[in-house]
Amino acid sequence: MRLEIADLSSLREHRENGLDLRNAVLVRLDLTDPGDDALLRTSLDGALFLGCTLRPESQRRAHAAGALLFPAVPGLPYEVYRSHLYTPEELFEDFDPDHPETYALTPDARIYQHTREQGYPPDPLHALAERLHDHGISEALSDILTGMPIAVMGGHALTRDSDGYRSAVELGVLLGQAGFTVLTGGGPGAMEAVPLGVRLADMSGVDDVVKVLSAAPKFASGTTVDAAEIGRWLAAGLAVDLPTSSLPRTIGLPTWFYGHEPPNPFCELHAKYFENSVREEGLLTVATGGIIYTPGSAGTVQEVFQDYTQNHYGSVGPAAPMVFLGERFWTEEVPAAPLVRKLAKGRPAEQWILVTDDATEAVSFLESYTSVQ
């Protein structure tokens, strides 16, 4: 695997240790200062420069050595060659909770507006820039994940004042107490209730939190962006004081493809993508500890069968647990669970399918899987 260097201090340390830059990946570094330019006076065979600024002579030497130089793309509201995930603070920069309409000024809203202006599919320049961004996000997500993360899938429709939302918070509490790193789609509804529970650690403060959130129980509806309505939803979430940990326990994977759905403020980090298909496949792939499916609509059902396909063919590793939380929903209203069980008959995936109404049983099932891996 190529060594990636995204800051000058790491590059200096690398060179001080007597190491060259063959096949290294250098990301968004300004190397025009004479001292920094001197760091390039070594073997550059096969090196990859992403959005770096080099002196003309160093550019010529890099080309002669077979290195590839990808230039910065001007005029974009996002970093093309991104090497780290987003924090809520970064996505919601310039948001003023006292003026909800200022959500329109945030990087999250401005990037979505940019994608709308490009149309779908975007022209080749913007398509390439978005793919390079998404590749960087996938790399950053892979770098930060440890152990066997689990994912919780579910729809965005749960309102913050509903019984279903509270149940999703309780599920998050149980997963947090079990020590799991929890991934969700990063949006509203169940996708924010579960990480909220993970970070609360217990249910003792839930009533106070729900009272704060009741000021804006749901985000803007439909497929258009109402900045003020989203801003009120966001302001209520940001008013909740939550503990942080040294390692992120909650990571969202939202997408600007569904940019009318804002990322939630309760995930500690967001791996936000442009391409929804890359985001969905990536989420299912990195959830090596299994997936819990709470009731959802078409998107959740799509993820069920996309996940099962991975398990059926073993394309990304051993079959991981599929937990259908909500027996009546998954066997009668949307009977995906019986079909998955039928497809899994006699295969390794069969033993790791559970249909239940009991969140405690669901978490214990996931723990039993991680204990034998």
Protein backbone atom coordinates (compact mmCIF):
# COMPACT_ATOMS: atom_id res chain seq x y z
CA MET A 1 0.00 0.00 0.00
CA ARG A 2 1.31 3.46 -0.89
CA LEU A 3 2.49 5.78 1.86
CA GLU A 4 0.30 8.91 2.00
CA ILE A 5 1.73 12.20 3.29
CA ALA A 6 -0.67 15.08 3.82
CA ASP A 7 1.31 17.54 5.95
CA LEU A 8 4.78 19.04 5.78
CA SER A 9 5.83 17.88 9.23
CA SER A 10 5.26 14.25 8.24
CA LEU A 11 7.19 14.79 5.01
CA ARG A 12 10.12 16.31 6.90
CA GLU A 13 10.16 13.45 9.39
CA HIS A 14 10.02 10.93 6.55
CA ARG A 15 13.01 12.50 4.81
CA GLU A 16 14.97 12.97 8.07
CA ASN A 17 14.71 9.20 8.53
CA GLY A 18 16.60 8.80 5.27
CA LEU A 19 13.59 7.54 3.27
CA ASP A 20 12.92 8.47 -0.35
CA LEU A 21 9.60 9.25 -2.05
CA ARG A 22 9.31 6.38 -4.49
CA ASN A 23 5.62 5.47 -4.91
CA ALA A 24 4.63 7.90 -2.15
CA VAL A 25 1.40 9.92 -2.35
CA LEU A 26 1.74 13.60 -1.43
CA VAL A 27 -1.53 15.46 -0.86
CA ARG A 28 -2.17 19.22 -1.06
CA LEU A 29 1.34 20.32 -0.05
CA ASP A 30 2.88 23.65 -0.96
CA LEU A 31 6.50 22.74 -1.72
CA THR A 32 7.64 26.01 -3.25
CA ASP A 33 9.61 27.20 -0.23
CA PRO A 34 13.33 26.49 -0.80
CA GLY A 35 13.55 24.36 2.34
CA ASP A 36 10.50 22.32 1.41
CA ASP A 37 11.59 22.05 -2.21
CA ALA A 38 14.82 20.47 -0.97
CA LEU A 39 12.77 17.60 0.49
CA LEU A 40 12.07 16.51 -3.08
CA ARG A 41 15.73 15.97 -3.92
CA THR A 42 15.46 12.22 -3.74
CA SER A 43 14.04 9.36 -5.81
CA LEU A 44 10.55 10.24 -7.04
CA ASP A 45 9.91 7.17 -9.17
CA GLY A 46 6.18 6.41 -9.26
CA ALA A 47 5.30 9.19 -6.80
CA LEU A 48 1.82 10.71 -6.93
CA PHE A 49 1.30 14.43 -6.27
CA LEU A 50 -2.35 15.34 -5.62
CA GLY A 51 -3.09 19.07 -5.64
CA CYS A 52 0.50 19.94 -4.66
CA THR A 53 2.35 23.13 -5.67
CA LEU A 54 5.90 22.54 -6.92
CA ARG A 55 8.63 24.73 -8.39
CA PRO A 56 9.02 24.36 -12.17
CA GLU A 57 12.35 22.54 -11.88
CA SER A 58 10.94 20.06 -9.37
CA GLN A 59 7.94 19.49 -11.65
CA ARG A 60 10.29 18.61 -14.50
CA ARG A 61 12.29 16.22 -12.30
CA ALA A 62 9.11 14.56 -11.05
CA HIS A 63 7.82 14.06 -14.59
CA ALA A 64 11.21 12.68 -15.70
CA ALA A 65 11.09 10.16 -12.82
CA GLY A 66 7.67 8.91 -13.91
CA ALA A 67 5.74 10.64 -11.13
CA LEU A 68 2.16 11.77 -11.76
CA LEU A 69 1.05 15.31 -10.89
CA PHE A 70 -2.67 15.98 -10.49
CA PRO A 71 -3.29 19.73 -10.27
CA ALA A 72 -5.61 21.53 -7.89
CA VAL A 73 -9.07 22.20 -9.36
CA PRO A 74 -9.98 25.87 -8.84
CA GLY A 75 -13.39 27.28 -8.04
CA LEU A 76 -14.81 24.37 -6.05
CA PRO A 77 -16.46 24.69 -2.61
CA TYR A 78 -14.81 21.46 -1.41
CA GLU A 79 -11.38 19.83 -1.22
CA VAL A 80 -10.88 17.48 -4.15
CA TYR A 81 -7.93 15.63 -2.61
CA ARG A 82 -9.40 15.16 0.84
CA SER A 83 -7.48 13.07 3.37
CA HIS A 84 -9.78 13.21 6.44
CA LEU A 85 -13.45 12.92 7.34
CA TYR A 86 -15.76 15.83 8.07
CA THR A 87 -16.68 17.02 11.55
CA PRO A 88 -20.13 18.50 12.15
CA GLU A 89 -18.36 21.76 13.04
CA GLU A 90 -16.79 21.86 9.58
CA LEU A 91 -19.96 21.00 7.69
CA PHE A 92 -21.99 23.57 9.64
CA GLU A 93 -19.41 26.36 9.77
CA ASP A 94 -20.98 29.85 9.59
CA PHE A 95 -24.31 28.57 10.94
CA ASP A 96 -25.91 30.83 13.52
CA PRO A 97 -28.57 28.99 15.59
CA ASP A 98 -30.27 32.32 16.30
CA HIS A 99 -30.73 32.81 12.55
CA PRO A 100 -31.80 29.42 11.14
CA GLU A 101 -31.71 30.66 7.54
CA THR A 102 -27.90 30.84 7.80
CA TYR A 103 -27.81 27.11 7.15
CA ALA A 104 -27.66 28.21 3.50
CA LEU A 105 -24.20 29.69 4.21
CA THR A 106 -22.69 26.46 5.53
CA PRO A 107 -20.22 24.37 3.52
CA ASP A 108 -22.75 21.53 3.58
CA ALA A 109 -25.45 23.63 1.91
CA ARG A 110 -23.06 25.38 -0.49
CA ILE A 111 -21.59 22.09 -1.73
CA TYR A 112 -25.06 20.69 -2.33
CA GLN A 113 -26.05 23.84 -4.22
CA HIS A 114 -22.91 23.44 -6.34
CA THR A 115 -23.89 19.87 -7.27
CA ARG A 116 -27.37 21.07 -8.24
CA GLU A 117 -25.88 23.69 -10.52
CA GLN A 118 -23.75 21.07 -12.29
CA GLY A 119 -26.72 18.80 -12.99
CA TYR A 120 -26.60 15.01 -13.10
CA PRO A 121 -24.45 13.55 -14.38
CA PRO A 122 -21.94 16.41 -14.05
CA ASP A 123 -19.54 17.34 -16.83
CA PRO A 124 -16.22 15.39 -16.99
CA LEU A 125 -14.23 17.89 -14.92
CA HIS A 126 -16.68 17.93 -12.03
CA ALA A 127 -17.36 14.19 -12.31
CA LEU A 128 -13.63 13.50 -11.97
CA ALA A 129 -13.28 15.95 -9.06
CA GLU A 130 -16.18 14.31 -7.21
CA ARG A 131 -14.79 10.80 -7.75
CA LEU A 132 -11.37 11.85 -6.46
CA HIS A 133 -13.03 13.42 -3.39
CA ASP A 134 -15.04 10.26 -2.72
CA HIS A 135 -11.94 8.08 -3.06
CA GLY A 136 -10.22 10.22 -0.43
CA ILE A 137 -13.22 9.89 1.88
CA SER A 138 -13.17 6.09 1.53
CA GLU A 139 -9.45 6.03 2.33
CA ALA A 140 -9.93 8.28 5.36
CA LEU A 141 -12.81 6.11 6.62
CA SER A 142 -10.73 2.96 6.25
CA ASP A 143 -7.85 4.57 8.15
CA ILE A 144 -9.98 5.52 11.14
CA LEU A 145 -12.04 2.35 11.60
CA THR A 146 -10.79 -0.30 14.00
CA GLY A 147 -12.24 -3.58 15.26
CA MET A 148 -15.54 -4.72 13.79
CA PRO A 149 -17.89 -1.76 13.31
CA ILE A 150 -21.62 -2.35 13.05
CA ALA A 151 -24.15 -0.37 11.06
CA VAL A 152 -27.76 0.54 11.79
CA MET A 153 -30.01 1.16 8.80
CA GLY A 154 -33.36 2.90 8.89
CA GLY A 155 -35.42 5.66 7.36
CA HIS A 156 -35.26 9.42 7.81
CA ALA A 157 -38.96 9.78 8.62
CA LEU A 158 -38.84 9.22 12.40
CA THR A 159 -39.66 12.45 14.18
CA ARG A 160 -37.72 13.35 17.29
CA ASP A 161 -40.86 13.28 19.45
CA SER A 162 -41.98 9.78 18.36
CA ASP A 163 -41.85 6.49 20.23
CA GLY A 164 -39.83 5.01 17.36
CA TYR A 165 -37.16 7.69 17.75
CA ARG A 166 -36.89 6.98 21.46
CA SER A 167 -36.58 3.24 20.74
CA ALA A 168 -33.75 3.99 18.30
CA VAL A 169 -32.01 6.06 20.97
CA GLU A 170 -32.30 3.11 23.36
CA LEU A 171 -30.78 0.82 20.73
CA GLY A 172 -27.88 3.24 20.44
CA VAL A 173 -27.37 3.21 24.20
CA LEU A 174 -27.17 -0.59 24.20
CA LEU A 175 -24.71 -0.60 21.29
CA GLY A 176 -22.58 2.02 23.00
CA GLN A 177 -22.55 0.09 26.25
CA ALA A 178 -21.41 -2.98 24.30
CA GLY A 179 -18.43 -1.00 22.99
CA PHE A 180 -19.32 -1.01 19.30
CA THR A 181 -18.30 1.63 16.80
CA VAL A 182 -21.63 2.48 15.20
CA LEU A 183 -22.18 3.59 11.60
CA THR A 184 -25.40 5.03 10.17
CA GLY A 185 -26.44 6.78 6.97
CA GLY A 186 -25.73 10.05 8.78
CA GLY A 187 -29.06 11.75 8.12
CA PRO A 188 -32.18 12.50 10.21
CA GLY A 189 -34.61 10.06 11.85
CA ALA A 190 -33.24 6.71 12.94
CA MET A 191 -29.88 7.71 11.46
CA GLU A 192 -29.44 10.37 14.14
CA ALA A 193 -31.33 8.73 17.01
CA VAL A 194 -28.94 5.77 17.21
CA PRO A 195 -25.71 7.84 17.43
CA LEU A 196 -27.43 10.07 19.96
CA GLY A 197 -27.98 6.99 22.14
CA VAL A 198 -24.39 5.81 21.69
CA ARG A 199 -23.08 9.11 22.98
CA LEU A 200 -25.58 9.44 25.84
CA ALA A 201 -24.27 6.13 27.29
CA ASP A 202 -27.49 5.55 29.28
CA MET A 203 -31.17 6.51 29.20
CA SER A 204 -31.14 8.70 32.29
CA GLY A 205 -30.92 11.96 30.35
CA VAL A 206 -33.17 11.07 27.42
CA ASP A 207 -36.21 12.99 28.66
CA ASP A 208 -34.21 16.22 28.92
CA VAL A 209 -32.69 15.69 25.47
CA VAL A 210 -36.05 14.97 23.83
CA LYS A 211 -37.44 18.12 25.43
CA VAL A 212 -34.69 20.16 23.76
CA LEU A 213 -35.20 18.43 20.42
CA SER A 214 -38.98 18.91 20.52
CA ALA A 215 -38.38 22.52 19.46
CA ALA A 216 -37.86 21.10 15.95
CA PRO A 217 -39.12 17.51 15.80
CA LYS A 218 -38.49 16.99 12.08
CA PHE A 219 -36.33 18.30 9.25
CA ALA A 220 -37.68 19.89 6.07
CA SER A 221 -39.91 17.58 4.09
CA GLY A 222 -39.88 16.93 0.37
CA THR A 223 -36.92 17.14 -1.99
CA THR A 224 -36.30 20.88 -1.83
CA VAL A 225 -34.06 22.69 0.63
CA ASP A 226 -35.78 25.11 2.99
CA ALA A 227 -32.74 26.60 4.72
CA ALA A 228 -34.70 28.11 7.60
CA GLU A 229 -36.59 24.89 8.35
CA ILE A 230 -33.43 22.79 8.23
CA GLY A 231 -31.72 25.46 10.33
CA ARG A 232 -34.34 25.18 13.06
CA TRP A 233 -33.93 21.38 13.04
CA LEU A 234 -30.15 21.76 13.21
CA ALA A 235 -30.23 24.41 15.94
CA ALA A 236 -32.25 22.14 18.22
CA GLY A 237 -29.73 19.33 17.72
CA LEU A 238 -26.74 21.57 18.35
CA ALA A 239 -28.35 22.72 21.61
CA VAL A 240 -27.87 19.21 23.03
CA ASP A 241 -24.65 18.94 25.05
CA LEU A 242 -23.07 15.54 24.39
CA PRO A 243 -19.85 13.95 25.67
CA THR A 244 -17.02 13.20 23.26
CA SER A 245 -14.52 10.36 23.31
CA SER A 246 -10.88 10.06 22.34
CA LEU A 247 -11.89 7.74 19.50
CA PRO A 248 -15.00 8.37 17.39
CA ARG A 249 -17.73 5.90 18.30
CA THR A 250 -20.33 7.25 15.87
CA ILE A 251 -19.68 7.88 12.18
CA GLY A 252 -22.26 8.93 9.60
CA LEU A 253 -22.10 8.20 5.88
CA PRO A 254 -24.43 10.76 4.28
CA THR A 255 -24.45 11.90 0.64
CA TRP A 256 -24.94 15.12 -1.29
CA PHE A 257 -26.96 13.08 -3.76
CA TYR A 258 -29.69 13.38 -1.13
CA GLY A 259 -28.54 16.84 -0.16
CA HIS A 260 -32.02 17.93 0.88
CA GLU A 261 -31.48 15.60 3.87
CA PRO A 262 -28.99 17.36 6.16
CA PRO A 263 -26.33 15.38 8.02
CA ASN A 264 -27.18 15.03 11.68
CA PRO A 265 -25.20 16.82 14.42
CA PHE A 266 -24.88 13.74 16.67
CA CYS A 267 -22.38 11.68 14.65
CA GLU A 268 -18.88 12.60 15.74
CA LEU A 269 -17.60 12.34 12.17
CA HIS A 270 -19.17 12.20 8.73
CA ALA A 271 -17.84 10.40 5.66
CA LYS A 272 -19.91 12.44 3.24
CA TYR A 273 -19.94 11.36 -0.40
CA PHE A 274 -21.13 12.73 -3.72
CA GLU A 275 -21.91 9.35 -5.30
CA ASN A 276 -24.68 7.55 -3.43
CA SER A 277 -23.87 4.12 -4.88
CA VAL A 278 -20.28 4.36 -3.61
CA ARG A 279 -21.54 5.47 -0.22
CA GLU A 280 -24.07 2.64 0.09
CA GLU A 281 -21.70 -0.09 -1.03
CA GLY A 282 -18.97 1.31 1.20
CA LEU A 283 -21.18 1.43 4.28
CA LEU A 284 -22.26 -2.18 3.84
CA THR A 285 -18.68 -3.29 3.21
CA VAL A 286 -17.03 -1.67 6.24
CA ALA A 287 -19.73 -2.86 8.69
CA THR A 288 -17.82 -6.09 9.29
CA GLY A 289 -19.53 -6.66 12.65
CA GLY A 290 -23.01 -6.85 11.12
CA ILE A 291 -25.99 -4.66 10.34
CA ILE A 292 -29.23 -3.94 12.18
CA TYR A 293 -32.19 -3.04 9.97
CA THR A 294 -34.86 -0.89 11.59
CA PRO A 295 -38.08 -0.21 9.65
CA GLY A 296 -37.50 1.92 6.58
CA SER A 297 -38.62 2.49 3.03
CA ALA A 298 -37.22 1.64 -0.40
CA GLY A 299 -33.67 2.72 0.38
CA THR A 300 -33.47 0.48 3.43
CA VAL A 301 -34.91 -2.48 1.53
CA GLN A 302 -32.35 -1.95 -1.22
CA GLU A 303 -29.60 -2.07 1.41
CA VAL A 304 -30.99 -5.33 2.81
CA PHE A 305 -30.51 -7.17 -0.46
CA GLN A 306 -27.29 -5.40 -1.34
CA ASP A 307 -25.92 -6.55 2.02
CA TYR A 308 -27.23 -10.07 1.58
CA THR A 309 -25.60 -10.31 -1.86
CA GLN A 310 -22.23 -9.64 -0.21
CA ASN A 311 -22.96 -12.32 2.38
CA HIS A 312 -24.30 -14.79 -0.18
CA TYR A 313 -21.18 -14.74 -2.33
CA GLY A 314 -18.65 -13.92 0.39
CA SER A 315 -17.35 -11.14 -1.85
CA VAL A 316 -16.04 -8.95 0.99
CA GLY A 317 -15.29 -11.55 3.65
CA PRO A 318 -17.24 -13.90 5.91
CA ALA A 319 -21.02 -13.58 6.11
CA ALA A 320 -21.82 -11.01 8.80
CA PRO A 321 -24.99 -10.74 10.91
CA MET A 322 -28.19 -9.33 9.46
CA VAL A 323 -30.57 -8.33 12.25
CA PHE A 324 -34.15 -7.38 11.36
CA LEU A 325 -35.42 -5.30 14.28
CA GLY A 326 -39.21 -5.18 14.10
CA GLU A 327 -40.64 -8.65 13.47
CA ARG A 328 -44.07 -7.65 12.16
CA PHE A 329 -42.64 -5.01 9.85
CA TRP A 330 -39.97 -7.27 8.31
CA THR A 331 -42.13 -10.40 8.03
CA GLU A 332 -45.55 -8.93 7.14
CA GLU A 333 -45.54 -5.26 6.15
CA VAL A 334 -42.29 -5.46 4.15
CA PRO A 335 -41.52 -9.21 4.12
CA ALA A 336 -37.83 -8.97 3.23
CA ALA A 337 -36.65 -11.19 6.10
CA PRO A 338 -38.38 -14.43 4.92
CA LEU A 339 -36.89 -14.02 1.44
CA VAL A 340 -33.40 -13.44 2.83
CA ARG A 341 -33.76 -16.52 5.01
CA LYS A 342 -34.89 -18.57 2.02
CA LEU A 343 -31.91 -17.41 -0.05
CA ALA A 344 -29.54 -18.21 2.84
CA LYS A 345 -30.83 -21.76 3.39
CA GLY A 346 -27.87 -24.12 3.75
CA ARG A 347 -25.29 -21.36 3.36
CA PRO A 348 -22.90 -19.86 5.97
CA ALA A 349 -25.05 -16.74 6.13
CA GLU A 350 -28.04 -18.70 7.46
CA GLN A 351 -26.87 -18.85 11.07
CA TRP A 352 -26.31 -15.07 11.18
CA ILE A 353 -29.84 -13.91 10.40
CA LEU A 354 -32.05 -12.77 13.28
CA VAL A 355 -35.59 -11.36 13.30
CA THR A 356 -36.57 -9.86 16.64
CA ASP A 357 -38.42 -7.12 18.49
CA ASP A 358 -35.90 -7.14 21.34
CA ALA A 359 -33.02 -4.64 21.04
CA THR A 360 -31.12 -6.41 23.83
CA GLU A 361 -31.31 -9.69 21.92
CA ALA A 362 -30.12 -7.91 18.77
CA VAL A 363 -27.03 -6.52 20.50
CA SER A 364 -26.25 -9.88 22.16
CA PHE A 365 -26.47 -11.54 18.74
CA LEU A 366 -23.90 -9.11 17.36
CA GLU A 367 -21.64 -9.69 20.36
CA SER A 368 -21.80 -13.46 19.82
CA TYR A 369 -20.58 -12.95 16.25
CA THR A 370 -17.61 -10.75 17.18
CA SER A 371 -16.59 -13.22 19.90
CA VAL A 372 -16.01 -16.01 17.37
CA GLN A 373 -14.25 -14.02 14.68
